[in-house]
Amino acid sequence: MRWTLATAILLLALNASDARAEKQYGPGVTDTEIRIGNTNPYSGNASAYGQNGRAEAAYYRFINDQGGVNGRKIVFLSLDDGYSPPKTVELTRQLVERDQVFAVAAPLGTAPNIAIQKYLNQKKVPTLFIGSGASRWDDAEHFPWSMGFNPSYHVEGYLYARHILANVKEPKIAILRQNDDVGEDYLNGVLEGLGAENKKLIAEIATYEVTDPTVDSQMLQLKRTEANVFINITTPKFAAQAIKKAGEIGWKPAHYLVNIGASIGAVMKPAGVENSQGIITADYKMDPTDPRLADDPEYKTWKAWFDAYLPNANPAEAANVVGWAEGWLVVEALRRCGDELTRENVMRQAASLKNFRIPMLMKGLLINTGPKDFAPMKSLQFERFVGEHWEPFGELMTYEKKQ
């Protein structure tokens, strides 16, 4: 009996050890593939952002050609939501319930992601590196399955305000903003940066809807204030319109353009490079058209990938760097999972990145996350548009959240 009991205990221990060594998979994962979902506006007023999804898909093709992630190929299911939140909800439910994706990666847009955030958290589906800088993605307590990607819009707005106060004599500020959570996040950052004592410096705030055909009337309204500072809180289509209209009406304030609208290919050139001179932005990624990067090892790595996997794309579109960086970060989180590809583990890995570097982000910018820190990027670099390129100036800036 003693022998039988000892043998049984030994067998139980061995079985437990074997179980720990076994592969652990969540939905959408097999020995050969990992199914990842995504929504992007490939059509509609925000279609310029569709290139984010194309670049991300190209990065996964590159990874698959190298053998995949720990031997598993990424199956990337990216659907067109037209930047319409109801459509985003419909397609996300399809990805989760019909297509059984393991995770949703870099879905684009603030309003579309707000519409699906509660659903994905209730279903405990990881939403990795959301394509938006809304402050709400950094809320591990209430939304433990949602992690952002972009630096916070609030932080960016704050930094513009501080730069204006330090560099513009007697500023009188006009603001154009999208009438949604994106515009509100940026505006709140500007207000914090100005401080209560300087809010009177804002002469006027004009808003637009994402469905509006143009912002021409808003630009005329703002010019009438005779403001010497213009904060341009717009997405690509409207950013190009605002820059072009400012040139047409001869309004030349100090111009601050948010980085989500600062694409050379989708905004600055369509608006006219002559109208774009001197515009300031704060960004987290390098400009791949900057000739000074020609010998940079990170640029060479990116360019080799771009030429091979996006041969027909416009290298001046900022989205080609964004999609690359998003894909790089998703792959890193998956790689760290090893054979424990569960939804819980991929969130743990995404929330344990320390001083991680992605090529083509601004020099010195590192990715850092933690169990209560879901904001991967916290630094931005000021740039000025000169000629046909963005030229960085000053130091990399990091905003420390006030407790």
Protein backbone atom coordinates (compact mmCIF):
# COMPACT_ATOMS: atom_id res chain seq x y z
CA MET A 1 0.00 0.00 0.00
CA ARG A 2 2.87 2.34 0.88
CA TRP A 3 4.42 1.66 -2.54
CA THR A 4 1.10 2.28 -4.29
CA LEU A 5 0.54 5.60 -2.50
CA ALA A 6 4.09 6.79 -3.20
CA THR A 7 3.75 5.82 -6.84
CA ALA A 8 0.45 7.66 -7.11
CA ILE A 9 1.93 10.83 -5.59
CA LEU A 10 4.91 10.62 -7.98
CA LEU A 11 2.62 10.15 -10.97
CA LEU A 12 0.48 13.11 -9.91
CA ALA A 13 3.59 15.29 -9.59
CA LEU A 14 4.84 14.23 -13.02
CA ASN A 15 1.46 14.88 -14.59
CA ALA A 16 1.31 18.32 -12.99
CA SER A 17 4.78 19.09 -14.34
CA ASP A 18 3.76 17.91 -17.81
CA ALA A 19 0.61 20.05 -17.66
CA ARG A 20 2.67 23.12 -16.84
CA ALA A 21 4.91 22.40 -19.82
CA GLU A 22 1.99 22.03 -22.20
CA LYS A 23 1.07 24.85 -24.56
CA GLN A 24 -1.74 27.10 -23.38
CA TYR A 25 -3.90 28.74 -26.02
CA GLY A 26 -6.72 31.24 -26.02
CA PRO A 27 -9.33 31.64 -28.78
CA GLY A 28 -7.85 32.21 -32.22
CA VAL A 29 -4.53 30.49 -31.51
CA THR A 30 -3.25 27.16 -32.84
CA ASP A 31 0.17 25.60 -33.33
CA THR A 32 0.37 27.37 -36.69
CA GLU A 33 -1.51 30.69 -36.45
CA ILE A 34 -2.65 33.63 -34.33
CA ARG A 35 -5.81 35.41 -35.49
CA ILE A 36 -5.75 39.17 -34.89
CA GLY A 37 -8.66 41.55 -35.58
CA ASN A 38 -8.66 45.22 -36.51
CA THR A 39 -10.93 48.02 -37.73
CA ASN A 40 -9.73 50.97 -39.81
CA PRO A 41 -11.40 53.68 -41.94
CA TYR A 42 -10.45 52.57 -45.43
CA SER A 43 -13.30 54.76 -46.73
CA GLY A 44 -15.03 57.98 -45.68
CA ASN A 45 -13.77 61.32 -44.36
CA ALA A 46 -11.03 59.69 -42.27
CA SER A 47 -9.81 57.37 -45.04
CA ALA A 48 -6.30 58.87 -44.93
CA TYR A 49 -5.87 56.79 -41.78
CA GLY A 50 -6.57 53.62 -43.75
CA GLN A 51 -2.87 53.55 -44.58
CA ASN A 52 -2.23 52.75 -40.90
CA GLY A 53 -3.99 49.43 -41.39
CA ARG A 54 -2.23 48.71 -44.69
CA ALA A 55 1.18 49.37 -43.11
CA GLU A 56 0.34 47.22 -40.09
CA ALA A 57 -0.75 44.39 -42.41
CA ALA A 58 2.51 44.78 -44.33
CA TYR A 59 4.49 44.44 -41.11
CA TYR A 60 2.72 41.18 -40.26
CA ARG A 61 3.44 39.86 -43.77
CA PHE A 62 7.10 40.65 -43.15
CA ILE A 63 7.01 38.78 -39.82
CA ASN A 64 5.26 35.81 -41.40
CA ASP A 65 7.93 35.65 -44.09
CA GLN A 66 10.52 35.38 -41.30
CA GLY A 67 8.70 32.38 -39.85
CA GLY A 68 6.05 34.16 -37.81
CA VAL A 69 5.90 34.64 -34.04
CA ASN A 70 7.46 31.62 -32.32
CA GLY A 71 6.60 29.60 -35.41
CA ARG A 72 3.02 30.85 -35.74
CA LYS A 73 1.80 32.98 -38.64
CA ILE A 74 -0.33 36.05 -37.92
CA VAL A 75 -3.71 36.05 -39.66
CA PHE A 76 -4.69 39.74 -39.74
CA LEU A 77 -8.38 40.43 -40.28
CA SER A 78 -8.71 44.19 -40.89
CA LEU A 79 -12.19 45.54 -41.72
CA ASP A 80 -13.39 48.93 -42.99
CA ASP A 81 -15.56 50.77 -40.47
CA GLY A 82 -15.49 54.12 -42.30
CA TYR A 83 -14.82 55.81 -38.92
CA SER A 84 -18.47 55.15 -38.04
CA PRO A 85 -18.87 53.95 -34.42
CA PRO A 86 -22.03 51.87 -35.11
CA LYS A 87 -20.17 50.11 -37.93
CA THR A 88 -17.18 49.58 -35.63
CA VAL A 89 -19.45 47.86 -33.11
CA GLU A 90 -20.94 45.60 -35.77
CA LEU A 91 -17.58 44.60 -37.23
CA THR A 92 -15.92 44.11 -33.85
CA ARG A 93 -18.68 41.74 -32.74
CA GLN A 94 -18.12 39.87 -36.00
CA LEU A 95 -14.39 39.60 -35.37
CA VAL A 96 -14.88 38.34 -31.80
CA GLU A 97 -17.93 36.11 -32.13
CA ARG A 98 -17.72 34.77 -35.68
CA ASP A 99 -14.02 35.00 -36.54
CA GLN A 100 -12.87 34.13 -33.00
CA VAL A 101 -9.88 36.47 -33.01
CA PHE A 102 -7.35 36.16 -30.20
CA ALA A 103 -7.07 39.94 -29.77
CA VAL A 104 -7.93 43.21 -31.47
CA ALA A 105 -4.81 45.17 -32.44
CA ALA A 106 -4.48 48.90 -33.15
CA PRO A 107 -8.12 49.63 -34.04
CA LEU A 108 -8.17 53.24 -35.21
CA GLY A 109 -10.01 56.24 -33.90
CA THR A 110 -11.22 57.67 -30.62
CA ALA A 111 -14.99 57.61 -31.21
CA PRO A 112 -14.95 54.12 -32.81
CA ASN A 113 -12.93 52.72 -29.91
CA ILE A 114 -15.11 54.32 -27.25
CA ALA A 115 -18.03 52.52 -28.87
CA ILE A 116 -16.40 49.08 -28.46
CA GLN A 117 -14.40 49.53 -25.25
CA LYS A 118 -17.02 48.21 -22.79
CA TYR A 119 -17.95 45.29 -25.05
CA LEU A 120 -14.35 44.12 -25.49
CA ASN A 121 -13.66 44.47 -21.77
CA GLN A 122 -16.80 42.51 -20.88
CA LYS A 123 -15.69 39.79 -23.30
CA LYS A 124 -12.12 39.99 -21.91
CA VAL A 125 -10.65 40.44 -25.37
CA PRO A 126 -7.28 42.27 -25.39
CA THR A 127 -7.36 45.55 -27.30
CA LEU A 128 -3.68 46.16 -27.87
CA PHE A 129 -2.22 49.56 -28.69
CA ILE A 130 -5.32 51.47 -29.75
CA GLY A 131 -4.76 53.95 -32.58
CA SER A 132 -5.77 56.99 -30.56
CA GLY A 133 -4.24 59.23 -27.92
CA ALA A 134 -7.37 59.63 -25.80
CA SER A 135 -6.61 59.71 -22.08
CA ARG A 136 -9.23 57.03 -21.35
CA TRP A 137 -7.03 54.20 -22.66
CA ASP A 138 -4.72 54.66 -19.67
CA ASP A 139 -7.23 53.28 -17.17
CA ALA A 140 -6.10 49.82 -16.13
CA GLU A 141 -8.43 49.81 -13.14
CA HIS A 142 -11.70 50.19 -15.05
CA PHE A 143 -10.65 48.86 -18.47
CA PRO A 144 -7.96 46.20 -17.89
CA TRP A 145 -8.28 44.87 -21.47
CA SER A 146 -7.69 48.19 -23.31
CA MET A 147 -4.22 49.68 -23.87
CA GLY A 148 -3.40 52.77 -25.92
CA PHE A 149 -0.56 53.51 -28.32
CA ASN A 150 -0.24 57.21 -29.20
CA PRO A 151 1.07 59.72 -26.69
CA SER A 152 -1.84 61.38 -24.92
CA TYR A 153 -3.70 64.14 -26.78
CA HIS A 154 -4.00 65.89 -23.43
CA VAL A 155 -0.22 65.89 -23.03
CA GLU A 156 0.29 67.20 -26.55
CA GLY A 157 -2.16 70.04 -26.02
CA TYR A 158 -0.47 70.90 -22.72
CA LEU A 159 2.95 71.11 -24.40
CA TYR A 160 1.66 73.42 -27.14
CA ALA A 161 0.27 75.79 -24.53
CA ARG A 162 3.54 75.86 -22.60
CA HIS A 163 5.50 76.51 -25.81
CA ILE A 164 3.17 79.35 -26.79
CA LEU A 165 3.54 81.05 -23.41
CA ALA A 166 7.32 80.79 -23.62
CA ASN A 167 7.76 81.84 -27.25
CA VAL A 168 4.92 84.07 -28.48
CA LYS A 169 4.79 87.68 -27.33
CA GLU A 170 1.30 88.73 -26.16
CA PRO A 171 -0.41 85.63 -27.57
CA LYS A 172 -4.00 85.79 -28.75
CA ILE A 173 -5.13 82.26 -29.49
CA ALA A 174 -7.67 80.89 -31.98
CA ILE A 175 -8.52 77.19 -31.89
CA LEU A 176 -10.16 74.91 -34.44
CA ARG A 177 -11.12 71.53 -33.04
CA GLN A 178 -13.05 68.43 -33.94
CA ASN A 179 -16.32 68.35 -31.98
CA ASP A 180 -15.77 65.04 -30.19
CA ASP A 181 -13.63 63.39 -27.53
CA VAL A 182 -10.46 63.94 -29.60
CA GLY A 183 -11.00 67.68 -29.71
CA GLU A 184 -12.02 67.81 -26.06
CA ASP A 185 -8.93 65.90 -24.91
CA TYR A 186 -6.62 68.26 -26.79
CA LEU A 187 -8.48 71.34 -25.57
CA ASN A 188 -8.33 70.23 -21.94
CA GLY A 189 -4.57 69.79 -22.32
CA VAL A 190 -4.25 73.30 -23.77
CA LEU A 191 -6.28 74.73 -20.89
CA GLU A 192 -4.13 72.98 -18.31
CA GLY A 193 -0.98 74.21 -20.04
CA LEU A 194 -2.22 77.79 -20.11
CA GLY A 195 -3.32 77.74 -16.48
CA ALA A 196 -6.43 79.44 -15.12
CA GLU A 197 -4.76 82.85 -15.21
CA ASN A 198 -4.14 82.63 -19.00
CA LYS A 199 -7.40 81.16 -20.30
CA LYS A 200 -8.39 84.69 -21.31
CA LEU A 201 -5.73 84.46 -24.04
CA ILE A 202 -8.10 82.26 -26.06
CA ALA A 203 -9.96 84.58 -28.42
CA GLU A 204 -12.24 81.97 -29.96
CA ILE A 205 -12.82 78.25 -30.36
CA ALA A 206 -14.47 76.97 -33.55
CA THR A 207 -15.64 73.38 -33.95
CA TYR A 208 -16.48 71.08 -36.84
CA GLU A 209 -18.09 67.68 -37.24
CA VAL A 210 -16.21 64.79 -38.82
CA THR A 211 -19.03 64.59 -41.39
CA ASP A 212 -18.69 68.25 -42.47
CA PRO A 213 -17.56 68.82 -46.07
CA THR A 214 -15.14 71.69 -45.24
CA VAL A 215 -13.90 73.97 -42.47
CA ASP A 216 -13.69 77.06 -44.68
CA SER A 217 -16.31 79.03 -42.75
CA GLN A 218 -14.63 78.22 -39.43
CA MET A 219 -11.30 79.50 -40.75
CA LEU A 220 -12.89 82.80 -41.82
CA GLN A 221 -14.51 83.06 -38.39
CA LEU A 222 -11.17 82.55 -36.64
CA LYS A 223 -9.26 84.99 -38.84
CA ARG A 224 -11.70 87.74 -37.86
CA THR A 225 -10.41 87.48 -34.27
CA GLU A 226 -7.01 88.76 -35.48
CA ALA A 227 -5.39 86.06 -33.36
CA ASN A 228 -1.62 85.69 -33.69
CA VAL A 229 -1.68 82.00 -32.65
CA PHE A 230 -3.67 79.20 -34.28
CA ILE A 231 -3.99 75.76 -32.67
CA ASN A 232 -5.18 73.38 -35.38
CA ILE A 233 -6.81 70.30 -33.76
CA THR A 234 -7.88 68.40 -36.87
CA THR A 235 -7.58 65.06 -38.65
CA PRO A 236 -5.87 64.89 -42.09
CA LYS A 237 -8.68 65.94 -44.43
CA PHE A 238 -9.57 69.00 -42.36
CA ALA A 239 -5.96 69.79 -41.48
CA ALA A 240 -5.15 70.14 -45.18
CA GLN A 241 -8.24 72.31 -45.70
CA ALA A 242 -7.37 74.58 -42.77
CA ILE A 243 -3.77 75.08 -43.87
CA LYS A 244 -4.79 75.78 -47.46
CA LYS A 245 -7.55 78.19 -46.42
CA ALA A 246 -5.23 80.10 -44.09
CA GLY A 247 -2.93 80.64 -47.08
CA GLU A 248 -5.78 81.75 -49.31
CA ILE A 249 -7.08 84.34 -46.85
CA GLY A 250 -3.62 85.61 -45.91
CA TRP A 251 -3.82 84.64 -42.24
CA LYS A 252 -0.33 83.96 -40.88
CA PRO A 253 -0.44 83.29 -37.14
CA ALA A 254 2.01 81.07 -35.28
CA HIS A 255 0.49 77.75 -36.36
CA TYR A 256 0.45 74.64 -34.13
CA LEU A 257 -0.82 71.47 -35.82
CA VAL A 258 -1.58 68.31 -33.84
CA ASN A 259 0.50 65.30 -34.85
CA ILE A 260 -2.52 63.21 -35.92
CA GLY A 261 -2.92 65.73 -38.75
CA ALA A 262 0.75 66.30 -39.54
CA SER A 263 1.30 63.84 -42.39
CA ILE A 264 3.42 65.28 -45.19
CA GLY A 265 1.84 63.11 -47.88
CA ALA A 266 -1.77 63.37 -46.68
CA VAL A 267 -1.76 66.95 -45.39
CA MET A 268 1.20 69.27 -45.94
CA LYS A 269 1.67 68.65 -49.66
CA PRO A 270 -2.06 68.61 -50.55
CA ALA A 271 -2.41 71.89 -48.61
CA GLY A 272 0.56 73.33 -50.50
CA VAL A 273 4.07 73.29 -49.08
CA GLU A 274 4.19 77.06 -49.50
CA ASN A 275 1.24 77.33 -47.08
CA SER A 276 2.80 74.85 -44.66
CA GLN A 277 6.10 76.62 -43.95
CA GLY A 278 6.87 77.20 -40.28
CA ILE A 279 4.02 75.11 -38.90
CA ILE A 280 4.92 73.49 -35.59
CA THR A 281 3.91 70.07 -34.33
CA ALA A 282 4.95 67.72 -31.52
CA ASP A 283 5.50 64.16 -32.65
CA TYR A 284 6.70 60.75 -31.51
CA LYS A 285 7.90 59.42 -34.87
CA MET A 286 10.63 60.43 -37.28
CA ASP A 287 9.93 61.88 -40.72
CA PRO A 288 11.03 59.22 -43.25
CA THR A 289 11.38 61.84 -46.00
CA ASP A 290 13.98 63.81 -44.04
CA PRO A 291 17.21 63.52 -46.10
CA ARG A 292 19.29 63.77 -42.91
CA LEU A 293 18.17 60.24 -42.03
CA ALA A 294 19.76 58.70 -45.13
CA ASP A 295 22.59 57.03 -43.19
CA ASP A 296 20.60 56.30 -40.02
CA PRO A 297 20.55 52.52 -39.31
CA GLU A 298 16.93 52.62 -38.11
CA TYR A 299 15.84 54.45 -41.23
CA LYS A 300 17.67 51.93 -43.42
CA THR A 301 15.87 49.07 -41.66
CA TRP A 302 12.50 50.76 -42.10
CA LYS A 303 13.17 51.72 -45.74
CA ALA A 304 14.18 48.17 -46.69
CA TRP A 305 10.90 46.90 -45.21
CA PHE A 306 8.89 49.70 -46.83
CA ASP A 307 10.35 49.10 -50.30
CA ALA A 308 9.74 45.36 -50.07
CA TYR A 309 6.26 45.33 -48.51
CA LEU A 310 4.65 48.65 -49.48
CA PRO A 311 6.17 49.30 -52.92
CA ASN A 312 3.22 51.35 -54.18
CA ALA A 313 2.72 53.47 -51.06
CA ASN A 314 3.70 57.11 -50.58
CA PRO A 315 6.71 57.27 -48.22
CA ALA A 316 5.64 60.77 -47.16
CA GLU A 317 2.54 59.42 -45.43
CA ALA A 318 3.17 59.31 -41.69
CA ALA A 319 0.85 56.30 -41.42
CA ASN A 320 3.59 54.08 -42.87
CA VAL A 321 5.67 54.66 -39.75
CA VAL A 322 2.66 54.41 -37.42
CA GLY A 323 1.51 51.04 -38.80
CA TRP A 324 5.06 49.70 -38.67
CA ALA A 325 5.44 50.76 -35.02
CA GLU A 326 2.04 49.39 -33.99
CA GLY A 327 2.77 46.07 -35.66
CA TRP A 328 6.23 45.93 -34.06
CA LEU A 329 4.74 46.40 -30.59
CA VAL A 330 1.97 43.82 -31.12
CA VAL A 331 4.52 41.26 -32.30
CA GLU A 332 6.74 41.94 -29.29
CA ALA A 333 3.86 41.31 -26.87
CA LEU A 334 2.98 38.08 -28.68
CA ARG A 335 6.61 36.95 -28.83
CA ARG A 336 7.01 37.37 -25.08
CA CYS A 337 4.06 35.05 -24.50
CA GLY A 338 6.03 32.06 -25.78
CA ASP A 339 3.68 29.07 -25.81
CA GLU A 340 1.36 30.58 -23.20
CA LEU A 341 -0.76 32.40 -25.75
CA THR A 342 -3.69 33.22 -23.54
CA ARG A 343 -5.53 36.51 -23.50
CA GLU A 344 -4.54 37.05 -19.87
CA ASN A 345 -0.87 36.52 -20.61
CA VAL A 346 -0.70 38.81 -23.62
CA MET A 347 -2.10 41.62 -21.47
CA ARG A 348 0.52 40.85 -18.80
CA GLN A 349 3.27 41.03 -21.40
CA ALA A 350 1.92 44.25 -22.93
CA ALA A 351 1.89 45.75 -19.44
CA SER A 352 5.48 44.82 -18.62
CA LEU A 353 7.51 46.62 -21.30
CA LYS A 354 10.57 48.38 -19.94
CA ASN A 355 12.68 50.84 -21.94
CA PHE A 356 11.70 49.09 -25.18
CA ARG A 357 12.86 50.77 -28.39
CA ILE A 358 11.00 50.71 -31.73
CA PRO A 359 13.01 51.90 -34.75
CA MET A 360 11.80 55.16 -36.34
CA LEU A 361 10.34 56.60 -33.17
CA MET A 362 11.96 59.84 -32.05
CA LYS A 363 15.50 59.45 -30.78
CA GLY A 364 15.48 58.72 -27.08
CA LEU A 365 11.81 57.71 -26.96
CA LEU A 366 11.33 54.41 -25.15
CA ILE A 367 8.22 52.31 -24.51
CA ASN A 368 7.36 51.75 -20.85
CA THR A 369 4.25 50.14 -19.38
CA GLY A 370 3.20 48.60 -16.08
CA PRO A 371 0.22 46.88 -14.47
CA LYS A 372 -1.24 50.31 -13.68
CA ASP A 373 0.42 52.19 -16.55
CA PHE A 374 -1.29 51.62 -19.90
CA ALA A 375 0.32 54.61 -21.67
CA PRO A 376 3.26 53.18 -23.69
CA MET A 377 4.57 56.55 -24.92
CA LYS A 378 4.91 59.62 -22.75
CA SER A 379 7.37 61.79 -24.71
CA LEU A 380 7.12 64.10 -27.70
CA GLN A 381 9.55 66.08 -29.84
CA PHE A 382 8.76 69.52 -31.27
CA GLU A 383 9.23 69.86 -35.04
CA ARG A 384 8.92 72.69 -37.55
CA PHE A 385 7.96 72.26 -41.22
CA VAL A 386 10.80 73.62 -43.37
CA GLY A 387 10.97 73.11 -47.13
CA GLU A 388 9.28 69.74 -47.57
CA HIS A 389 10.26 68.10 -44.27
CA TRP A 390 9.76 68.21 -40.53
CA GLU A 391 12.86 69.41 -38.68
CA PRO A 392 13.10 68.52 -34.96
CA PHE A 393 14.16 71.25 -32.55
CA GLY A 394 14.67 71.45 -28.80
CA GLU A 395 14.74 68.50 -26.44
CA LEU A 396 12.52 65.43 -26.17
CA MET A 397 9.80 66.42 -23.70
CA THR A 398 8.10 64.20 -21.18
CA TYR A 399 4.94 65.14 -19.31
CA GLU A 400 4.56 63.84 -15.78
CA LYS A 401 0.93 63.18 -14.89
CA LYS A 402 -0.18 65.20 -11.89
CA GLN A 403 -1.30 63.02 -8.99
